[in-house]
Amino acid sequence: MNLTEHIKKELRKIGEIPLAIRRRANSNDIEEAFESALDRMASSMENPNSVIYKKKGTTLRLFAQFVIDEMVTYLEQDYFNDLDRIYFDDDDFYYNEIRKPLLNYYGRRIKEKFDEVI
């Protein structure tokens, strides 16, 4: 792959991060929020009192949703104000504009962690 193709590929990947998040947090902060959420949810899989405890039959899909929702919560706490929060109660907007693109972007890494924990 030449340099131009590599740059185009990286720009497409960055484009998968929703603009509402990219405008408020830099890529390092977004990555840190993802890693924190991924680690926290992986730990929850080991906790029998957790909703996503692995012996309760938690699926990859449910695990991934929890990771992304936790990540968005972290980012909102640090980078959003009350006027521009991403509200979870608008299911269509949240799923299509926030969760789905983040699942596409982080899906491989979420699956790797899920497989590691299971």
N, C-alpha and C. Protein backbone atom coordinates (compact mmCIF):
# COMPACT_ATOMS: atom_id res chain seq x y z
N MET A 1 0.86 -1.18 0.00
CA MET A 1 0.00 0.00 0.00
C MET A 1 0.91 1.24 0.00
N ASN A 2 0.64 2.15 -0.91
CA ASN A 2 1.46 3.36 -0.95
C ASN A 2 0.94 4.38 0.07
N LEU A 3 1.66 5.46 0.21
CA LEU A 3 1.35 6.47 1.23
C LEU A 3 -0.04 7.08 1.01
N THR A 4 -0.40 7.37 -0.20
CA THR A 4 -1.70 7.97 -0.49
C THR A 4 -2.84 7.03 -0.08
N GLU A 5 -2.70 5.76 -0.42
CA GLU A 5 -3.73 4.79 -0.04
C GLU A 5 -3.83 4.65 1.47
N HIS A 6 -2.67 4.67 2.14
CA HIS A 6 -2.65 4.57 3.60
C HIS A 6 -3.35 5.78 4.24
N ILE A 7 -3.07 6.96 3.74
CA ILE A 7 -3.71 8.18 4.27
C ILE A 7 -5.21 8.12 4.06
N LYS A 8 -5.65 7.72 2.88
CA LYS A 8 -7.09 7.61 2.60
C LYS A 8 -7.75 6.61 3.54
N LYS A 9 -7.09 5.49 3.77
CA LYS A 9 -7.64 4.47 4.66
C LYS A 9 -7.78 5.02 6.09
N GLU A 10 -6.76 5.71 6.56
CA GLU A 10 -6.81 6.28 7.91
C GLU A 10 -7.89 7.35 8.04
N LEU A 11 -8.05 8.16 7.01
CA LEU A 11 -9.10 9.20 7.04
C LEU A 11 -10.49 8.58 7.04
N ARG A 12 -10.69 7.49 6.32
CA ARG A 12 -11.98 6.79 6.35
C ARG A 12 -12.26 6.26 7.74
N LYS A 13 -11.23 5.70 8.38
CA LYS A 13 -11.41 5.17 9.73
C LYS A 13 -11.77 6.29 10.71
N ILE A 14 -11.08 7.41 10.62
CA ILE A 14 -11.38 8.54 11.50
C ILE A 14 -12.80 9.02 11.27
N GLY A 15 -13.26 8.97 10.03
CA GLY A 15 -14.61 9.39 9.69
C GLY A 15 -15.67 8.55 10.35
N GLU A 16 -15.32 7.36 10.82
CA GLU A 16 -16.29 6.51 11.51
C GLU A 16 -16.58 6.99 12.93
N ILE A 17 -15.69 7.78 13.49
CA ILE A 17 -15.96 8.38 14.80
C ILE A 17 -16.96 9.50 14.56
N PRO A 18 -18.10 9.48 15.25
CA PRO A 18 -19.12 10.50 15.01
C PRO A 18 -18.59 11.92 15.21
N LEU A 19 -19.01 12.80 14.35
CA LEU A 19 -18.58 14.19 14.39
C LEU A 19 -18.89 14.83 15.74
N ALA A 20 -20.02 14.49 16.34
CA ALA A 20 -20.38 15.05 17.64
C ALA A 20 -19.31 14.77 18.68
N ILE A 21 -18.61 13.67 18.55
CA ILE A 21 -17.54 13.32 19.48
C ILE A 21 -16.22 13.92 19.02
N ARG A 22 -15.90 13.80 17.73
CA ARG A 22 -14.63 14.33 17.22
C ARG A 22 -14.47 15.83 17.44
N ARG A 23 -15.59 16.56 17.43
CA ARG A 23 -15.51 18.01 17.63
C ARG A 23 -15.15 18.38 19.07
N ARG A 24 -15.41 17.48 20.00
CA ARG A 24 -15.25 17.82 21.40
C ARG A 24 -14.05 17.17 22.07
N ALA A 25 -13.54 16.11 21.51
CA ALA A 25 -12.41 15.41 22.13
C ALA A 25 -11.39 15.03 21.05
N ASN A 26 -10.13 15.08 21.42
CA ASN A 26 -9.11 14.69 20.45
C ASN A 26 -8.99 13.17 20.40
N SER A 27 -8.26 12.67 19.43
CA SER A 27 -8.19 11.23 19.21
C SER A 27 -7.59 10.48 20.40
N ASN A 28 -6.64 11.08 21.09
CA ASN A 28 -6.06 10.43 22.27
C ASN A 28 -7.08 10.29 23.38
N ASP A 29 -7.89 11.31 23.60
CA ASP A 29 -8.92 11.25 24.64
C ASP A 29 -10.02 10.25 24.27
N ILE A 30 -10.36 10.18 23.01
CA ILE A 30 -11.36 9.21 22.54
C ILE A 30 -10.83 7.80 22.76
N GLU A 31 -9.58 7.59 22.40
CA GLU A 31 -8.95 6.28 22.58
C GLU A 31 -8.88 5.90 24.05
N GLU A 32 -8.53 6.84 24.88
CA GLU A 32 -8.47 6.58 26.33
C GLU A 32 -9.84 6.21 26.89
N ALA A 33 -10.88 6.90 26.44
CA ALA A 33 -12.24 6.58 26.89
C ALA A 33 -12.63 5.18 26.44
N PHE A 34 -12.27 4.82 25.21
CA PHE A 34 -12.57 3.48 24.72
C PHE A 34 -11.85 2.43 25.55
N GLU A 35 -10.56 2.61 25.76
CA GLU A 35 -9.77 1.64 26.52
C GLU A 35 -10.32 1.48 27.94
N SER A 36 -10.67 2.59 28.57
CA SER A 36 -11.23 2.52 29.93
C SER A 36 -12.55 1.76 29.95
N ALA A 37 -13.40 2.04 28.98
CA ALA A 37 -14.69 1.36 28.90
C ALA A 37 -14.50 -0.13 28.62
N LEU A 38 -13.60 -0.45 27.72
CA LEU A 38 -13.33 -1.84 27.37
C LEU A 38 -12.81 -2.61 28.59
N ASP A 39 -11.87 -2.03 29.31
CA ASP A 39 -11.32 -2.68 30.50
C ASP A 39 -12.37 -2.84 31.60
N ARG A 40 -13.18 -1.81 31.78
CA ARG A 40 -14.21 -1.87 32.82
C ARG A 40 -15.26 -2.94 32.50
N MET A 41 -15.68 -3.01 31.26
CA MET A 41 -16.68 -4.00 30.90
C MET A 41 -16.09 -5.42 30.92
N ALA A 42 -14.82 -5.55 30.57
CA ALA A 42 -14.17 -6.87 30.67
C ALA A 42 -14.12 -7.32 32.13
N SER A 43 -13.85 -6.40 33.03
CA SER A 43 -13.87 -6.72 34.46
C SER A 43 -15.27 -7.08 34.92
N SER A 44 -16.26 -6.41 34.40
CA SER A 44 -17.65 -6.71 34.76
C SER A 44 -18.04 -8.12 34.34
N MET A 45 -17.44 -8.61 33.29
CA MET A 45 -17.74 -9.98 32.83
C MET A 45 -17.31 -11.01 33.88
N GLU A 46 -16.38 -10.63 34.75
CA GLU A 46 -15.89 -11.53 35.79
C GLU A 46 -16.65 -11.38 37.11
N ASN A 47 -17.53 -10.39 37.19
CA ASN A 47 -18.25 -10.08 38.43
C ASN A 47 -19.63 -10.73 38.41
N PRO A 48 -19.88 -11.69 39.32
CA PRO A 48 -21.18 -12.37 39.33
C PRO A 48 -22.37 -11.44 39.59
N ASN A 49 -22.13 -10.27 40.15
CA ASN A 49 -23.21 -9.32 40.42
C ASN A 49 -23.48 -8.38 39.25
N SER A 50 -22.68 -8.49 38.20
CA SER A 50 -22.81 -7.61 37.05
C SER A 50 -23.92 -8.08 36.10
N VAL A 51 -24.51 -7.14 35.43
CA VAL A 51 -25.53 -7.45 34.42
C VAL A 51 -24.92 -8.26 33.28
N ILE A 52 -23.66 -8.03 32.98
CA ILE A 52 -23.03 -8.72 31.85
C ILE A 52 -22.06 -9.82 32.30
N TYR A 53 -22.29 -10.39 33.45
CA TYR A 53 -21.47 -11.51 33.94
C TYR A 53 -21.47 -12.61 32.89
N LYS A 54 -20.29 -13.12 32.55
CA LYS A 54 -20.16 -14.04 31.42
C LYS A 54 -20.96 -15.33 31.59
N LYS A 55 -21.18 -15.77 32.80
CA LYS A 55 -21.93 -17.01 33.00
C LYS A 55 -23.43 -16.81 32.87
N LYS A 56 -23.86 -15.59 32.67
CA LYS A 56 -25.28 -15.32 32.42
C LYS A 56 -25.59 -15.43 30.93
N GLY A 57 -24.59 -15.81 30.16
CA GLY A 57 -24.82 -15.98 28.72
C GLY A 57 -24.68 -14.69 27.93
N THR A 58 -23.88 -13.77 28.40
CA THR A 58 -23.69 -12.51 27.69
C THR A 58 -23.13 -12.76 26.30
N THR A 59 -23.74 -12.12 25.33
CA THR A 59 -23.31 -12.25 23.93
C THR A 59 -22.30 -11.16 23.58
N LEU A 60 -21.62 -11.35 22.48
CA LEU A 60 -20.70 -10.33 21.98
C LEU A 60 -21.44 -9.03 21.72
N ARG A 61 -22.62 -9.14 21.15
CA ARG A 61 -23.40 -7.93 20.83
C ARG A 61 -23.72 -7.12 22.09
N LEU A 62 -24.16 -7.79 23.14
CA LEU A 62 -24.47 -7.10 24.39
C LEU A 62 -23.22 -6.49 25.01
N PHE A 63 -22.14 -7.25 25.02
CA PHE A 63 -20.87 -6.75 25.54
C PHE A 63 -20.44 -5.50 24.78
N ALA A 64 -20.52 -5.54 23.46
CA ALA A 64 -20.12 -4.41 22.62
C ALA A 64 -20.97 -3.18 22.90
N GLN A 65 -22.26 -3.37 23.06
CA GLN A 65 -23.14 -2.24 23.37
C GLN A 65 -22.77 -1.61 24.70
N PHE A 66 -22.49 -2.43 25.70
CA PHE A 66 -22.09 -1.90 27.00
C PHE A 66 -20.78 -1.12 26.90
N VAL A 67 -19.83 -1.64 26.13
CA VAL A 67 -18.54 -0.95 25.97
C VAL A 67 -18.75 0.42 25.33
N ILE A 68 -19.49 0.47 24.25
CA ILE A 68 -19.71 1.73 23.54
C ILE A 68 -20.50 2.71 24.40
N ASP A 69 -21.54 2.24 25.08
CA ASP A 69 -22.33 3.13 25.93
C ASP A 69 -21.49 3.70 27.07
N GLU A 70 -20.63 2.87 27.64
CA GLU A 70 -19.73 3.32 28.70
C GLU A 70 -18.74 4.36 28.17
N MET A 71 -18.22 4.10 27.00
CA MET A 71 -17.29 5.04 26.36
C MET A 71 -17.94 6.40 26.14
N VAL A 72 -19.15 6.39 25.60
CA VAL A 72 -19.87 7.64 25.34
C VAL A 72 -20.13 8.37 26.66
N THR A 73 -20.47 7.63 27.69
CA THR A 73 -20.70 8.25 29.00
C THR A 73 -19.44 8.92 29.51
N TYR A 74 -18.30 8.26 29.40
CA TYR A 74 -17.03 8.86 29.81
C TYR A 74 -16.77 10.16 29.05
N LEU A 75 -16.96 10.11 27.74
CA LEU A 75 -16.70 11.29 26.93
C LEU A 75 -17.66 12.43 27.27
N GLU A 76 -18.92 12.10 27.48
CA GLU A 76 -19.90 13.13 27.84
C GLU A 76 -19.52 13.81 29.15
N GLN A 77 -19.10 13.05 30.12
CA GLN A 77 -18.75 13.62 31.42
C GLN A 77 -17.61 14.62 31.30
N ASP A 78 -16.66 14.34 30.42
CA ASP A 78 -15.47 15.19 30.33
C ASP A 78 -15.53 16.27 29.26
N TYR A 79 -16.29 16.05 28.20
CA TYR A 79 -16.18 16.96 27.06
C TYR A 79 -17.47 17.61 26.59
N PHE A 80 -18.60 17.22 27.13
CA PHE A 80 -19.88 17.78 26.69
C PHE A 80 -20.46 18.65 27.80
N ASN A 81 -21.21 19.67 27.39
CA ASN A 81 -21.95 20.43 28.38
C ASN A 81 -23.43 20.05 28.27
N ASP A 82 -24.24 20.60 29.11
CA ASP A 82 -25.65 20.21 29.15
C ASP A 82 -26.40 20.49 27.84
N LEU A 83 -25.93 21.41 27.06
CA LEU A 83 -26.62 21.77 25.82
C LEU A 83 -26.31 20.84 24.65
N ASP A 84 -25.20 20.11 24.73
CA ASP A 84 -24.84 19.27 23.59
C ASP A 84 -24.60 17.80 23.94
N ARG A 85 -25.24 17.34 24.98
CA ARG A 85 -25.11 15.93 25.38
C ARG A 85 -25.75 15.02 24.33
N ILE A 86 -25.28 13.78 24.32
CA ILE A 86 -25.85 12.76 23.45
C ILE A 86 -26.84 12.00 24.31
N TYR A 87 -28.09 12.24 24.09
CA TYR A 87 -29.10 11.63 24.94
C TYR A 87 -29.43 10.22 24.47
N PHE A 88 -29.43 9.30 25.41
CA PHE A 88 -29.69 7.90 25.10
C PHE A 88 -31.17 7.64 24.85
N ASP A 89 -32.04 8.57 25.20
CA ASP A 89 -33.48 8.31 25.05
C ASP A 89 -33.98 8.45 23.61
N ASP A 90 -33.21 9.01 22.74
CA ASP A 90 -33.56 9.07 21.32
C ASP A 90 -32.89 7.88 20.65
N ASP A 91 -33.54 6.72 20.73
CA ASP A 91 -32.93 5.47 20.30
C ASP A 91 -32.46 5.48 18.85
N ASP A 92 -33.25 6.00 17.94
CA ASP A 92 -32.86 5.99 16.53
C ASP A 92 -31.61 6.82 16.29
N PHE A 93 -31.59 8.03 16.82
CA PHE A 93 -30.41 8.88 16.64
C PHE A 93 -29.20 8.22 17.28
N TYR A 94 -29.32 7.80 18.53
CA TYR A 94 -28.18 7.23 19.23
C TYR A 94 -27.64 6.01 18.49
N TYR A 95 -28.53 5.11 18.10
CA TYR A 95 -28.07 3.89 17.43
C TYR A 95 -27.41 4.20 16.08
N ASN A 96 -28.08 4.98 15.25
CA ASN A 96 -27.60 5.23 13.89
C ASN A 96 -26.41 6.18 13.81
N GLU A 97 -26.41 7.19 14.65
CA GLU A 97 -25.39 8.24 14.54
C GLU A 97 -24.23 8.09 15.52
N ILE A 98 -24.41 7.33 16.59
CA ILE A 98 -23.36 7.22 17.59
C ILE A 98 -22.90 5.76 17.75
N ARG A 99 -23.80 4.90 18.22
CA ARG A 99 -23.38 3.54 18.55
C ARG A 99 -22.91 2.75 17.32
N LYS A 100 -23.68 2.76 16.25
CA LYS A 100 -23.35 1.96 15.07
C LYS A 100 -21.99 2.33 14.47
N PRO A 101 -21.70 3.63 14.26
CA PRO A 101 -20.36 3.96 13.74
C PRO A 101 -19.23 3.56 14.69
N LEU A 102 -19.46 3.72 16.00
CA LEU A 102 -18.42 3.34 16.95
C LEU A 102 -18.24 1.83 16.99
N LEU A 103 -19.33 1.08 16.86
CA LEU A 103 -19.22 -0.37 16.80
C LEU A 103 -18.42 -0.79 15.56
N ASN A 104 -18.65 -0.12 14.44
CA ASN A 104 -17.90 -0.41 13.22
C ASN A 104 -16.41 -0.13 13.42
N TYR A 105 -16.13 0.98 14.05
CA TYR A 105 -14.74 1.42 14.24
C TYR A 105 -14.00 0.53 15.23
N TYR A 106 -14.63 0.20 16.34
CA TYR A 106 -13.97 -0.54 17.41
C TYR A 106 -14.33 -2.03 17.45
N GLY A 107 -15.14 -2.49 16.53
CA GLY A 107 -15.66 -3.85 16.57
C GLY A 107 -14.62 -4.95 16.70
N ARG A 108 -13.57 -4.87 15.94
CA ARG A 108 -12.53 -5.90 15.98
C ARG A 108 -11.89 -5.98 17.36
N ARG A 109 -11.59 -4.84 17.93
CA ARG A 109 -10.93 -4.82 19.25
C ARG A 109 -11.88 -5.28 20.35
N ILE A 110 -13.16 -4.94 20.22
CA ILE A 110 -14.14 -5.40 21.19
C ILE A 110 -14.25 -6.92 21.12
N LYS A 111 -14.30 -7.46 19.91
CA LYS A 111 -14.40 -8.91 19.75
C LYS A 111 -13.18 -9.61 20.34
N GLU A 112 -11.99 -9.06 20.11
CA GLU A 112 -10.78 -9.66 20.67
C GLU A 112 -10.85 -9.71 22.19
N LYS A 113 -11.29 -8.62 22.81
CA LYS A 113 -11.38 -8.59 24.28
C LYS A 113 -12.46 -9.55 24.77
N PHE A 114 -13.57 -9.60 24.08
CA PHE A 114 -14.65 -10.52 24.46
C PHE A 114 -14.15 -11.96 24.41
N ASP A 115 -13.47 -12.33 23.33
CA ASP A 115 -12.94 -13.68 23.19
C ASP A 115 -11.92 -13.99 24.29
N GLU A 116 -11.15 -12.99 24.66
CA GLU A 116 -10.15 -13.15 25.72
C GLU A 116 -10.82 -13.42 27.08
N VAL A 117 -11.91 -12.72 27.34
CA VAL A 117 -12.61 -12.84 28.63
C VAL A 117 -13.43 -14.12 28.70
N ILE A 118 -14.05 -14.50 27.61
CA ILE A 118 -14.87 -15.70 27.58
C ILE A 118 -13.96 -16.89 27.58
